[in-house]
Amino acid sequence: MKSLIVLMVVAGSLLAGCVVEDSRYGYRDGQRYSGDRDRDGVQNRADRDRDGDGVRNSQDRRPDDPRRY
């Protein structure tokens, strides 16, 4: 019984560092992260075409939907 508890504690401590995080939205390291919707290396707040459909945000009726412009 003790060995099972020890095994569970060790497994739990190993898995404690495995956290899945959606880095496109939310917070990272305590600071707001705007993400990169089209994954072109430019954060959304500085990206002129944040959905990657080839139409600038200022001319795109739906700047967050790559299927529509």
PDB file of N, CA and C in Angstrom:
ATOM      1  N   MET A   1       0.813  -1.195   0.000  1.00  0.00           N
ATOM      2  CA  MET A   1       0.000   0.000   0.000  1.00  0.00           C
ATOM      3  C   MET A   1       0.860   1.264   0.000  1.00  0.00           C
ATOM      4  N   LYS A   2       1.943   1.220   0.819  1.00  0.00           N
ATOM      5  CA  LYS A   2       2.834   2.373   0.870  1.00  0.00           C
ATOM      6  C   LYS A   2       3.495   2.613  -0.483  1.00  0.00           C
ATOM      7  N   SER A   3       3.875   1.543  -1.152  1.00  0.00           N
ATOM      8  CA  SER A   3       4.550   1.692  -2.445  1.00  0.00           C
ATOM      9  C   SER A   3       3.598   2.290  -3.491  1.00  0.00           C
ATOM     10  N   LEU A   4       2.317   1.966  -3.402  1.00  0.00           N
ATOM     11  CA  LEU A   4       1.336   2.538  -4.319  1.00  0.00           C
ATOM     12  C   LEU A   4       1.183   4.037  -4.081  1.00  0.00           C
ATOM     13  N   ILE A   5       1.154   4.430  -2.821  1.00  0.00           N
ATOM     14  CA  ILE A   5       1.044   5.853  -2.487  1.00  0.00           C
ATOM     15  C   ILE A   5       2.279   6.597  -2.960  1.00  0.00           C
ATOM     16  N   VAL A   6       3.457   6.017  -2.724  1.00  0.00           N
ATOM     17  CA  VAL A   6       4.704   6.648  -3.161  1.00  0.00           C
ATOM     18  C   VAL A   6       4.720   6.768  -4.683  1.00  0.00           C
ATOM     19  N   LEU A   7       4.300   5.723  -5.368  1.00  0.00           N
ATOM     20  CA  LEU A   7       4.249   5.746  -6.831  1.00  0.00           C
ATOM     21  C   LEU A   7       3.295   6.822  -7.338  1.00  0.00           C
ATOM     22  N   MET A   8       2.148   6.987  -6.693  1.00  0.00           N
ATOM     23  CA  MET A   8       1.180   8.011  -7.092  1.00  0.00           C
ATOM     24  C   MET A   8       1.727   9.408  -6.828  1.00  0.00           C
ATOM     25  N   VAL A   9       2.421   9.606  -5.726  1.00  0.00           N
ATOM     26  CA  VAL A   9       3.011  10.910  -5.416  1.00  0.00           C
ATOM     27  C   VAL A   9       4.092  11.257  -6.423  1.00  0.00           C
ATOM     28  N   VAL A  10       4.943  10.285  -6.755  1.00  0.00           N
ATOM     29  CA  VAL A  10       6.006  10.522  -7.742  1.00  0.00           C
ATOM     30  C   VAL A  10       5.397  10.823  -9.108  1.00  0.00           C
ATOM     31  N   ALA A  11       4.404  10.050  -9.529  1.00  0.00           N
ATOM     32  CA  ALA A  11       3.753  10.288 -10.822  1.00  0.00           C
ATOM     33  C   ALA A  11       3.070  11.650 -10.832  1.00  0.00           C
ATOM     34  N   GLY A  12       2.439  12.024  -9.746  1.00  0.00           N
ATOM     35  CA  GLY A  12       1.777  13.324  -9.658  1.00  0.00           C
ATOM     36  C   GLY A  12       2.758  14.469  -9.731  1.00  0.00           C
ATOM     37  N   SER A  13       3.911  14.304  -9.089  1.00  0.00           N
ATOM     38  CA  SER A  13       4.906  15.382  -9.130  1.00  0.00           C
ATOM     39  C   SER A  13       5.543  15.491 -10.512  1.00  0.00           C
ATOM     40  N   LEU A  14       5.693  14.376 -11.204  1.00  0.00           N
ATOM     41  CA  LEU A  14       6.237  14.426 -12.570  1.00  0.00           C
ATOM     42  C   LEU A  14       5.255  15.079 -13.533  1.00  0.00           C
ATOM     43  N   LEU A  15       3.986  14.798 -13.364  1.00  0.00           N
ATOM     44  CA  LEU A  15       2.969  15.344 -14.259  1.00  0.00           C
ATOM     45  C   LEU A  15       2.563  16.766 -13.902  1.00  0.00           C
ATOM     46  N   ALA A  16       2.979  17.253 -12.752  1.00  0.00           N
ATOM     47  CA  ALA A  16       2.595  18.602 -12.328  1.00  0.00           C
ATOM     48  C   ALA A  16       3.153  19.659 -13.270  1.00  0.00           C
ATOM     49  N   GLY A  17       4.273  19.406 -13.905  1.00  0.00           N
ATOM     50  CA  GLY A  17       4.866  20.362 -14.827  1.00  0.00           C
ATOM     51  C   GLY A  17       4.275  20.295 -16.222  1.00  0.00           C
ATOM     52  N   CYS A  18       3.497  19.278 -16.501  1.00  0.00           N
ATOM     53  CA  CYS A  18       2.897  19.109 -17.824  1.00  0.00           C
ATOM     54  C   CYS A  18       1.551  19.823 -17.860  1.00  0.00           C
ATOM     55  N   VAL A  19       1.557  21.056 -18.306  1.00  0.00           N
ATOM     56  CA  VAL A  19       0.338  21.842 -18.360  1.00  0.00           C
ATOM     57  C   VAL A  19       0.127  22.291 -19.794  1.00  0.00           C
ATOM     58  N   VAL A  20      -1.050  22.025 -20.323  1.00  0.00           N
ATOM     59  CA  VAL A  20      -1.377  22.460 -21.675  1.00  0.00           C
ATOM     60  C   VAL A  20      -1.944  23.863 -21.588  1.00  0.00           C
ATOM     61  N   GLU A  21      -1.410  24.766 -22.399  1.00  0.00           N
ATOM     62  CA  GLU A  21      -1.854  26.151 -22.375  1.00  0.00           C
ATOM     63  C   GLU A  21      -2.130  26.600 -23.799  1.00  0.00           C
ATOM     64  N   ASP A  22      -3.283  27.182 -24.018  1.00  0.00           N
ATOM     65  CA  ASP A  22      -3.597  27.758 -25.309  1.00  0.00           C
ATOM     66  C   ASP A  22      -2.971  29.132 -25.348  1.00  0.00           C
ATOM     67  N   SER A  23      -1.856  29.254 -26.049  1.00  0.00           N
ATOM     68  CA  SER A  23      -1.096  30.502 -26.005  1.00  0.00           C
ATOM     69  C   SER A  23      -1.654  31.581 -26.925  1.00  0.00           C
ATOM     70  N   ARG A  24      -2.718  31.277 -27.665  1.00  0.00           N
ATOM     71  CA  ARG A  24      -3.276  32.296 -28.554  1.00  0.00           C
ATOM     72  C   ARG A  24      -4.008  33.389 -27.788  1.00  0.00           C
ATOM     73  N   TYR A  25      -4.610  33.037 -26.655  1.00  0.00           N
ATOM     74  CA  TYR A  25      -5.400  33.994 -25.895  1.00  0.00           C
ATOM     75  C   TYR A  25      -5.081  33.857 -24.419  1.00  0.00           C
ATOM     76  N   GLY A  26      -5.362  34.876 -23.648  1.00  0.00           N
ATOM     77  CA  GLY A  26      -5.244  34.806 -22.205  1.00  0.00           C
ATOM     78  C   GLY A  26      -3.982  35.419 -21.659  1.00  0.00           C
ATOM     79  N   TYR A  27      -3.436  34.771 -20.638  1.00  0.00           N
ATOM     80  CA  TYR A  27      -2.291  35.319 -19.929  1.00  0.00           C
ATOM     81  C   TYR A  27      -1.129  34.343 -19.962  1.00  0.00           C
ATOM     82  N   ARG A  28       0.075  34.883 -20.078  1.00  0.00           N
ATOM     83  CA  ARG A  28       1.279  34.082 -20.001  1.00  0.00           C
ATOM     84  C   ARG A  28       2.258  34.828 -19.112  1.00  0.00           C
ATOM     85  N   ASP A  29       2.804  34.148 -18.120  1.00  0.00           N
ATOM     86  CA  ASP A  29       3.752  34.741 -17.176  1.00  0.00           C
ATOM     87  C   ASP A  29       3.178  35.985 -16.502  1.00  0.00           C
ATOM     88  N   GLY A  30       1.870  35.985 -16.226  1.00  0.00           N
ATOM     89  CA  GLY A  30       1.248  37.088 -15.519  1.00  0.00           C
ATOM     90  C   GLY A  30       0.935  38.301 -16.362  1.00  0.00           C
ATOM     91  N   GLN A  31       1.246  38.269 -17.664  1.00  0.00           N
ATOM     92  CA  GLN A  31       0.973  39.410 -18.532  1.00  0.00           C
ATOM     93  C   GLN A  31       0.024  38.995 -19.640  1.00  0.00           C
ATOM     94  N   ARG A  32      -0.796  39.933 -20.070  1.00  0.00           N
ATOM     95  CA  ARG A  32      -1.753  39.650 -21.135  1.00  0.00           C
ATOM     96  C   ARG A  32      -1.013  39.368 -22.425  1.00  0.00           C
ATOM     97  N   TYR A  33      -1.467  38.342 -23.123  1.00  0.00           N
ATOM     98  CA  TYR A  33      -0.860  37.933 -24.374  1.00  0.00           C
ATOM     99  C   TYR A  33      -1.932  38.006 -25.452  1.00  0.00           C
ATOM    100  N   SER A  34      -1.690  38.771 -26.487  1.00  0.00           N
ATOM    101  CA  SER A  34      -2.723  38.996 -27.494  1.00  0.00           C
ATOM    102  C   SER A  34      -2.816  37.865 -28.504  1.00  0.00           C
ATOM    103  N   GLY A  35      -1.819  37.038 -28.608  1.00  0.00           N
ATOM    104  CA  GLY A  35      -1.868  35.882 -29.490  1.00  0.00           C
ATOM    105  C   GLY A  35      -1.474  36.191 -30.917  1.00  0.00           C
ATOM    106  N   ASP A  36      -1.518  35.157 -31.703  1.00  0.00           N
ATOM    107  CA  ASP A  36      -1.180  35.233 -33.114  1.00  0.00           C
ATOM    108  C   ASP A  36      -2.132  34.323 -33.867  1.00  0.00           C
ATOM    109  N   ARG A  37      -3.289  34.862 -34.242  1.00  0.00           N
ATOM    110  CA  ARG A  37      -4.346  34.062 -34.841  1.00  0.00           C
ATOM    111  C   ARG A  37      -3.897  33.328 -36.103  1.00  0.00           C
ATOM    112  N   ASP A  38      -3.186  33.989 -36.998  1.00  0.00           N
ATOM    113  CA  ASP A  38      -2.797  33.352 -38.248  1.00  0.00           C
ATOM    114  C   ASP A  38      -1.403  32.727 -38.205  1.00  0.00           C
ATOM    115  N   ARG A  39      -0.779  32.770 -37.046  1.00  0.00           N
ATOM    116  CA  ARG A  39       0.515  32.141 -36.798  1.00  0.00           C
ATOM    117  C   ARG A  39       1.586  32.554 -37.802  1.00  0.00           C
ATOM    118  N   ASP A  40       1.646  33.866 -38.070  1.00  0.00           N
ATOM    119  CA  ASP A  40       2.662  34.388 -38.985  1.00  0.00           C
ATOM    120  C   ASP A  40       3.821  35.035 -38.256  1.00  0.00           C
ATOM    121  N   GLY A  41       3.812  34.961 -36.927  1.00  0.00           N
ATOM    122  CA  GLY A  41       4.892  35.524 -36.131  1.00  0.00           C
ATOM    123  C   GLY A  41       4.653  36.944 -35.681  1.00  0.00           C
ATOM    124  N   VAL A  42       3.542  37.565 -36.093  1.00  0.00           N
ATOM    125  CA  VAL A  42       3.204  38.929 -35.688  1.00  0.00           C
ATOM    126  C   VAL A  42       1.995  38.845 -34.766  1.00  0.00           C
ATOM    127  N   GLN A  43       2.110  39.443 -33.563  1.00  0.00           N
ATOM    128  CA  GLN A  43       0.981  39.398 -32.637  1.00  0.00           C
ATOM    129  C   GLN A  43      -0.221  40.120 -33.226  1.00  0.00           C
ATOM    130  N   ASN A  44      -1.413  39.678 -32.852  1.00  0.00           N
ATOM    131  CA  ASN A  44      -2.655  40.220 -33.409  1.00  0.00           C
ATOM    132  C   ASN A  44      -2.752  41.731 -33.306  1.00  0.00           C
ATOM    133  N   ARG A  45      -2.283  42.300 -32.181  1.00  0.00           N
ATOM    134  CA  ARG A  45      -2.467  43.734 -32.023  1.00  0.00           C
ATOM    135  C   ARG A  45      -1.609  44.541 -32.985  1.00  0.00           C
ATOM    136  N   ALA A  46      -0.542  43.966 -33.557  1.00  0.00           N
ATOM    137  CA  ALA A  46       0.318  44.672 -34.509  1.00  0.00           C
ATOM    138  C   ALA A  46       0.154  44.148 -35.935  1.00  0.00           C
ATOM    139  N   ASP A  47      -0.631  43.101 -36.116  1.00  0.00           N
ATOM    140  CA  ASP A  47      -0.778  42.446 -37.419  1.00  0.00           C
ATOM    141  C   ASP A  47      -1.807  43.179 -38.278  1.00  0.00           C
ATOM    142  N   ARG A  48      -1.430  43.549 -39.479  1.00  0.00           N
ATOM    143  CA  ARG A  48      -2.356  44.251 -40.379  1.00  0.00           C
ATOM    144  C   ARG A  48      -3.366  43.307 -41.019  1.00  0.00           C
ATOM    145  N   ASP A  49      -3.090  42.019 -41.010  1.00  0.00           N
ATOM    146  CA  ASP A  49      -4.019  41.006 -41.506  1.00  0.00           C
ATOM    147  C   ASP A  49      -3.997  39.850 -40.515  1.00  0.00           C
ATOM    148  N   ARG A  50      -4.734  39.987 -39.398  1.00  0.00           N
ATOM    149  CA  ARG A  50      -4.600  39.034 -38.307  1.00  0.00           C
ATOM    150  C   ARG A  50      -5.207  37.672 -38.573  1.00  0.00           C
ATOM    151  N   ASP A  51      -6.107  37.534 -39.562  1.00  0.00           N
ATOM    152  CA  ASP A  51      -6.646  36.204 -39.851  1.00  0.00           C
ATOM    153  C   ASP A  51      -5.958  35.530 -41.030  1.00  0.00           C
ATOM    154  N   GLY A  52      -5.056  36.224 -41.708  1.00  0.00           N
ATOM    155  CA  GLY A  52      -4.244  35.617 -42.752  1.00  0.00           C
ATOM    156  C   GLY A  52      -4.966  35.332 -44.057  1.00  0.00           C
ATOM    157  N   ASP A  53      -6.054  36.050 -44.359  1.00  0.00           N
ATOM    158  CA  ASP A  53      -6.794  35.795 -45.594  1.00  0.00           C
ATOM    159  C   ASP A  53      -6.358  36.678 -46.757  1.00  0.00           C
ATOM    160  N   GLY A  54      -5.354  37.539 -46.519  1.00  0.00           N
ATOM    161  CA  GLY A  54      -4.852  38.399 -47.592  1.00  0.00           C
ATOM    162  C   GLY A  54      -5.549  39.743 -47.694  1.00  0.00           C
ATOM    163  N   VAL A  55      -6.526  40.023 -46.829  1.00  0.00           N
ATOM    164  CA  VAL A  55      -7.248  41.293 -46.842  1.00  0.00           C
ATOM    165  C   VAL A  55      -6.892  42.027 -45.550  1.00  0.00           C
ATOM    166  N   ARG A  56      -6.461  43.280 -45.653  1.00  0.00           N
ATOM    167  CA  ARG A  56      -6.088  44.050 -44.471  1.00  0.00           C
ATOM    168  C   ARG A  56      -7.274  44.191 -43.532  1.00  0.00           C
ATOM    169  N   ASN A  57      -6.986  44.265 -42.233  1.00  0.00           N
ATOM    170  CA  ASN A  57      -8.041  44.395 -41.225  1.00  0.00           C
ATOM    171  C   ASN A  57      -8.931  45.607 -41.475  1.00  0.00           C
ATOM    172  N   SER A  58      -8.342  46.710 -41.938  1.00  0.00           N
ATOM    173  CA  SER A  58      -9.120  47.932 -42.161  1.00  0.00           C
ATOM    174  C   SER A  58     -10.122  47.773 -43.300  1.00  0.00           C
ATOM    175  N   GLN A  59      -9.891  46.835 -44.204  1.00  0.00           N
ATOM    176  CA  GLN A  59     -10.791  46.612 -45.333  1.00  0.00           C
ATOM    177  C   GLN A  59     -11.592  45.319 -45.206  1.00  0.00           C
ATOM    178  N   ASP A  60     -11.308  44.550 -44.185  1.00  0.00           N
ATOM    179  CA  ASP A  60     -11.931  43.244 -43.973  1.00  0.00           C
ATOM    180  C   ASP A  60     -13.158  43.410 -43.075  1.00  0.00           C
ATOM    181  N   ARG A  61     -14.335  42.980 -43.557  1.00  0.00           N
ATOM    182  CA  ARG A  61     -15.543  43.083 -42.735  1.00  0.00           C
ATOM    183  C   ARG A  61     -15.493  42.142 -41.543  1.00  0.00           C
ATOM    184  N   ARG A  62     -14.779  41.049 -41.688  1.00  0.00           N
ATOM    185  CA  ARG A  62     -14.623  40.086 -40.597  1.00  0.00           C
ATOM    186  C   ARG A  62     -13.129  39.770 -40.435  1.00  0.00           C
ATOM    187  N   PRO A  63     -12.394  40.636 -39.732  1.00  0.00           N
ATOM    188  CA  PRO A  63     -10.938  40.477 -39.637  1.00  0.00           C
ATOM    189  C   PRO A  63     -10.467  39.305 -38.817  1.00  0.00           C
ATOM    190  N   ASP A  64     -11.368  38.601 -38.124  1.00  0.00           N
ATOM    191  CA  ASP A  64     -10.975  37.438 -37.339  1.00  0.00           C
ATOM    192  C   ASP A  64     -11.421  36.122 -37.955  1.00  0.00           C
ATOM    193  N   ASP A  65     -12.037  36.157 -39.132  1.00  0.00           N
ATOM    194  CA  ASP A  65     -12.527  34.955 -39.788  1.00  0.00           C
ATOM    195  C   ASP A  65     -11.827  34.787 -41.132  1.00  0.00           C
ATOM    196  N   PRO A  66     -10.898  33.834 -41.250  1.00  0.00           N
ATOM    197  CA  PRO A  66     -10.155  33.683 -42.500  1.00  0.00           C
ATOM    198  C   PRO A  66     -10.994  33.191 -43.677  1.00  0.00           C
ATOM    199  N   ARG A  67     -12.181  32.658 -43.419  1.00  0.00           N
ATOM    200  CA  ARG A  67     -13.027  32.160 -44.501  1.00  0.00           C
ATOM    201  C   ARG A  67     -13.864  33.254 -45.145  1.00  0.00           C
ATOM    202  N   ARG A  68     -13.957  34.443 -44.485  1.00  0.00           N
ATOM    203  CA  ARG A  68     -14.797  35.527 -45.002  1.00  0.00           C
ATOM    204  C   ARG A  68     -14.024  36.819 -45.012  1.00  0.00           C
ATOM    205  N   TYR A  69     -14.305  37.667 -45.975  1.00  0.00           N
ATOM    206  CA  TYR A  69     -13.668  38.986 -46.045  1.00  0.00           C
ATOM    207  C   TYR A  69     -14.646  40.037 -46.486  1.00  0.00           C
TER     208      TYR A  69
END
